[in-house]
Amino acid sequence: MTSGRLHVSTRTRNRLIAAATIVVAGGVAWLVRSKRPQPPQPAPAPPRIGYSRNGSAPTPLAGAAVENGH
C-alpha cells in the first residue's frame, strides 16, 4: 500500500475524462429518449360500407357477400 498519491499521466487522465464524458452523454441521451411521450395508439378501422345492387342499405345476411356462381 502506498500512502502517497498514485501517479497518472496527463494523457491517461484526459482519456479517462473523455471516456467518462461519453458514458455520461450516452446515459443522458438514453434517459431523454426513454422519457419521450409515446404516440397514441391508432384508432380502430371504421366500419366498411358495402354497396347494394338495388340502391337500398346493405343487409347483413350470411350469403349477401357471396357472388352468384361467377
N, C-alpha and C. Protein backbone atom coordinates (compact mmCIF):
# COMPACT_ATOMS: atom_id res chain seq x y z
N MET A 1 0.84 -1.17 0.00
CA MET A 1 0.00 0.00 0.00
C MET A 1 0.89 1.24 0.00
N THR A 2 0.49 2.17 -0.78
CA THR A 2 1.25 3.41 -0.82
C THR A 2 0.45 4.48 -0.09
N SER A 3 1.16 5.30 0.62
CA SER A 3 0.49 6.37 1.33
C SER A 3 0.41 7.63 0.47
N GLY A 4 1.18 7.65 -0.60
CA GLY A 4 1.17 8.80 -1.48
C GLY A 4 0.14 8.65 -2.60
N ARG A 5 0.02 9.70 -3.37
CA ARG A 5 -0.93 9.70 -4.49
C ARG A 5 -0.35 8.92 -5.66
N LEU A 6 -1.21 8.15 -6.34
CA LEU A 6 -0.74 7.40 -7.50
C LEU A 6 -0.46 8.37 -8.63
N HIS A 7 0.60 8.10 -9.38
CA HIS A 7 0.95 8.97 -10.49
C HIS A 7 0.22 8.50 -11.74
N VAL A 8 -0.61 9.40 -12.29
CA VAL A 8 -1.34 9.12 -13.52
C VAL A 8 -0.90 10.18 -14.52
N SER A 9 -0.52 9.72 -15.68
CA SER A 9 -0.05 10.67 -16.68
C SER A 9 -1.21 11.54 -17.17
N THR A 10 -0.86 12.66 -17.73
CA THR A 10 -1.86 13.59 -18.24
C THR A 10 -2.65 12.96 -19.38
N ARG A 11 -1.98 12.21 -20.21
CA ARG A 11 -2.65 11.56 -21.33
C ARG A 11 -3.70 10.56 -20.84
N THR A 12 -3.34 9.74 -19.84
CA THR A 12 -4.28 8.76 -19.29
C THR A 12 -5.45 9.46 -18.61
N ARG A 13 -5.14 10.53 -17.86
CA ARG A 13 -6.20 11.27 -17.19
C ARG A 13 -7.16 11.88 -18.21
N ASN A 14 -6.66 12.43 -19.29
CA ASN A 14 -7.52 13.01 -20.32
C ASN A 14 -8.38 11.94 -21.00
N ARG A 15 -7.81 10.76 -21.22
CA ARG A 15 -8.59 9.67 -21.82
C ARG A 15 -9.70 9.21 -20.88
N LEU A 16 -9.40 9.13 -19.59
CA LEU A 16 -10.43 8.75 -18.62
C LEU A 16 -11.54 9.79 -18.56
N ILE A 17 -11.18 11.05 -18.60
CA ILE A 17 -12.18 12.12 -18.59
C ILE A 17 -13.03 12.04 -19.85
N ALA A 18 -12.41 11.81 -21.01
CA ALA A 18 -13.15 11.71 -22.26
C ALA A 18 -14.09 10.51 -22.24
N ALA A 19 -13.63 9.38 -21.74
CA ALA A 19 -14.47 8.19 -21.67
C ALA A 19 -15.64 8.41 -20.72
N ALA A 20 -15.39 9.03 -19.59
CA ALA A 20 -16.47 9.31 -18.64
C ALA A 20 -17.48 10.28 -19.23
N THR A 21 -17.01 11.25 -19.98
CA THR A 21 -17.92 12.21 -20.62
C THR A 21 -18.80 11.51 -21.64
N ILE A 22 -18.24 10.60 -22.42
CA ILE A 22 -19.02 9.87 -23.42
C ILE A 22 -20.06 8.98 -22.74
N VAL A 23 -19.68 8.32 -21.65
CA VAL A 23 -20.61 7.46 -20.92
C VAL A 23 -21.75 8.29 -20.34
N VAL A 24 -21.44 9.43 -19.76
CA VAL A 24 -22.48 10.28 -19.19
C VAL A 24 -23.41 10.81 -20.29
N ALA A 25 -22.85 11.23 -21.42
CA ALA A 25 -23.67 11.73 -22.53
C ALA A 25 -24.58 10.62 -23.06
N GLY A 26 -24.08 9.41 -23.17
CA GLY A 26 -24.90 8.30 -23.62
C GLY A 26 -26.03 8.00 -22.64
N GLY A 27 -25.72 8.05 -21.36
CA GLY A 27 -26.76 7.82 -20.35
C GLY A 27 -27.84 8.89 -20.38
N VAL A 28 -27.44 10.14 -20.56
CA VAL A 28 -28.41 11.22 -20.64
C VAL A 28 -29.27 11.07 -21.89
N ALA A 29 -28.66 10.71 -23.01
CA ALA A 29 -29.42 10.53 -24.25
C ALA A 29 -30.41 9.38 -24.10
N TRP A 30 -30.01 8.29 -23.47
CA TRP A 30 -30.91 7.17 -23.26
C TRP A 30 -32.06 7.57 -22.35
N LEU A 31 -31.76 8.33 -21.29
CA LEU A 31 -32.80 8.76 -20.36
C LEU A 31 -33.80 9.68 -21.05
N VAL A 32 -33.32 10.60 -21.86
CA VAL A 32 -34.22 11.52 -22.57
C VAL A 32 -35.09 10.74 -23.55
N ARG A 33 -34.50 9.79 -24.25
CA ARG A 33 -35.27 9.00 -25.22
C ARG A 33 -36.32 8.14 -24.54
N SER A 34 -35.99 7.58 -23.38
CA SER A 34 -36.95 6.72 -22.70
C SER A 34 -38.08 7.52 -22.07
N LYS A 35 -37.87 8.78 -21.79
CA LYS A 35 -38.91 9.62 -21.19
C LYS A 35 -39.77 10.32 -22.23
N ARG A 36 -39.43 10.19 -23.50
CA ARG A 36 -40.19 10.86 -24.55
C ARG A 36 -41.61 10.29 -24.60
N PRO A 37 -42.64 11.13 -24.75
CA PRO A 37 -44.00 10.60 -24.78
C PRO A 37 -44.22 9.72 -26.02
N GLN A 38 -44.93 8.64 -25.81
CA GLN A 38 -45.19 7.71 -26.89
C GLN A 38 -46.39 8.19 -27.70
N PRO A 39 -46.40 7.93 -29.02
CA PRO A 39 -47.56 8.34 -29.82
C PRO A 39 -48.78 7.54 -29.42
N PRO A 40 -49.97 8.11 -29.58
CA PRO A 40 -51.19 7.37 -29.21
C PRO A 40 -51.42 6.17 -30.12
N GLN A 41 -52.17 5.22 -29.61
CA GLN A 41 -52.50 4.04 -30.41
C GLN A 41 -53.37 4.46 -31.58
N PRO A 42 -53.22 3.81 -32.74
CA PRO A 42 -54.05 4.18 -33.89
C PRO A 42 -55.52 3.88 -33.60
N ALA A 43 -56.37 4.68 -34.18
CA ALA A 43 -57.81 4.50 -34.00
C ALA A 43 -58.26 3.22 -34.70
N PRO A 44 -59.29 2.58 -34.18
CA PRO A 44 -59.78 1.37 -34.87
C PRO A 44 -60.33 1.73 -36.24
N ALA A 45 -60.27 0.76 -37.13
CA ALA A 45 -60.74 0.99 -38.50
C ALA A 45 -62.24 1.25 -38.50
N PRO A 46 -62.68 2.20 -39.30
CA PRO A 46 -64.12 2.46 -39.37
C PRO A 46 -64.83 1.28 -40.03
N PRO A 47 -66.13 1.14 -39.78
CA PRO A 47 -66.84 0.02 -40.40
C PRO A 47 -66.88 0.18 -41.92
N ARG A 48 -66.78 -0.93 -42.60
CA ARG A 48 -66.82 -0.90 -44.06
C ARG A 48 -68.25 -0.67 -44.53
N ILE A 49 -68.35 0.11 -45.56
CA ILE A 49 -69.66 0.39 -46.14
C ILE A 49 -69.76 -0.42 -47.43
N GLY A 50 -70.76 -1.29 -47.48
CA GLY A 50 -70.93 -2.13 -48.66
C GLY A 50 -71.78 -1.45 -49.71
N TYR A 51 -71.76 -2.00 -50.89
CA TYR A 51 -72.56 -1.50 -51.99
C TYR A 51 -73.73 -2.45 -52.21
N SER A 52 -74.89 -1.89 -52.37
CA SER A 52 -76.06 -2.73 -52.63
C SER A 52 -76.36 -2.71 -54.12
N ARG A 53 -77.04 -3.73 -54.58
CA ARG A 53 -77.35 -3.83 -56.01
C ARG A 53 -78.64 -3.10 -56.37
N ASN A 54 -79.50 -2.90 -55.38
CA ASN A 54 -80.78 -2.28 -55.70
C ASN A 54 -80.91 -0.86 -55.14
N GLY A 55 -79.87 -0.30 -54.58
CA GLY A 55 -79.90 1.06 -54.08
C GLY A 55 -80.32 1.19 -52.63
N SER A 56 -80.74 0.12 -52.00
CA SER A 56 -81.13 0.19 -50.59
C SER A 56 -79.91 -0.11 -49.72
N ALA A 57 -80.08 -0.01 -48.43
CA ALA A 57 -78.99 -0.27 -47.49
C ALA A 57 -78.59 -1.75 -47.56
N PRO A 58 -77.32 -2.06 -47.38
CA PRO A 58 -76.89 -3.46 -47.42
C PRO A 58 -77.47 -4.24 -46.26
N THR A 59 -77.77 -5.50 -46.49
CA THR A 59 -78.32 -6.36 -45.45
C THR A 59 -77.23 -7.27 -44.93
N PRO A 60 -77.16 -7.46 -43.63
CA PRO A 60 -76.11 -8.32 -43.05
C PRO A 60 -76.47 -9.79 -43.08
N LEU A 61 -76.92 -10.32 -44.20
CA LEU A 61 -77.24 -11.74 -44.31
C LEU A 61 -75.96 -12.54 -44.53
N ALA A 62 -76.02 -13.82 -44.19
CA ALA A 62 -74.83 -14.66 -44.27
C ALA A 62 -74.36 -14.83 -45.71
N GLY A 63 -75.24 -14.93 -46.68
CA GLY A 63 -74.85 -15.15 -48.06
C GLY A 63 -74.83 -13.89 -48.89
N ALA A 64 -74.95 -12.72 -48.27
CA ALA A 64 -75.05 -11.48 -49.03
C ALA A 64 -73.75 -11.15 -49.75
N ALA A 65 -72.61 -11.54 -49.21
CA ALA A 65 -71.34 -11.18 -49.82
C ALA A 65 -70.88 -12.18 -50.86
N VAL A 66 -71.58 -13.28 -51.02
CA VAL A 66 -71.16 -14.32 -51.95
C VAL A 66 -71.70 -14.02 -53.34
N GLU A 67 -70.86 -14.17 -54.34
CA GLU A 67 -71.29 -13.96 -55.73
C GLU A 67 -72.20 -15.11 -56.16
N ASN A 68 -73.02 -14.87 -57.14
CA ASN A 68 -73.95 -15.88 -57.62
C ASN A 68 -73.31 -16.77 -58.69
N GLY A 69 -72.38 -17.61 -58.28
CA GLY A 69 -71.80 -18.60 -59.18
C GLY A 69 -70.82 -18.05 -60.21
N HIS A 70 -70.40 -16.84 -60.11
CA HIS A 70 -69.49 -16.27 -61.11
C HIS A 70 -68.10 -16.28 -60.61
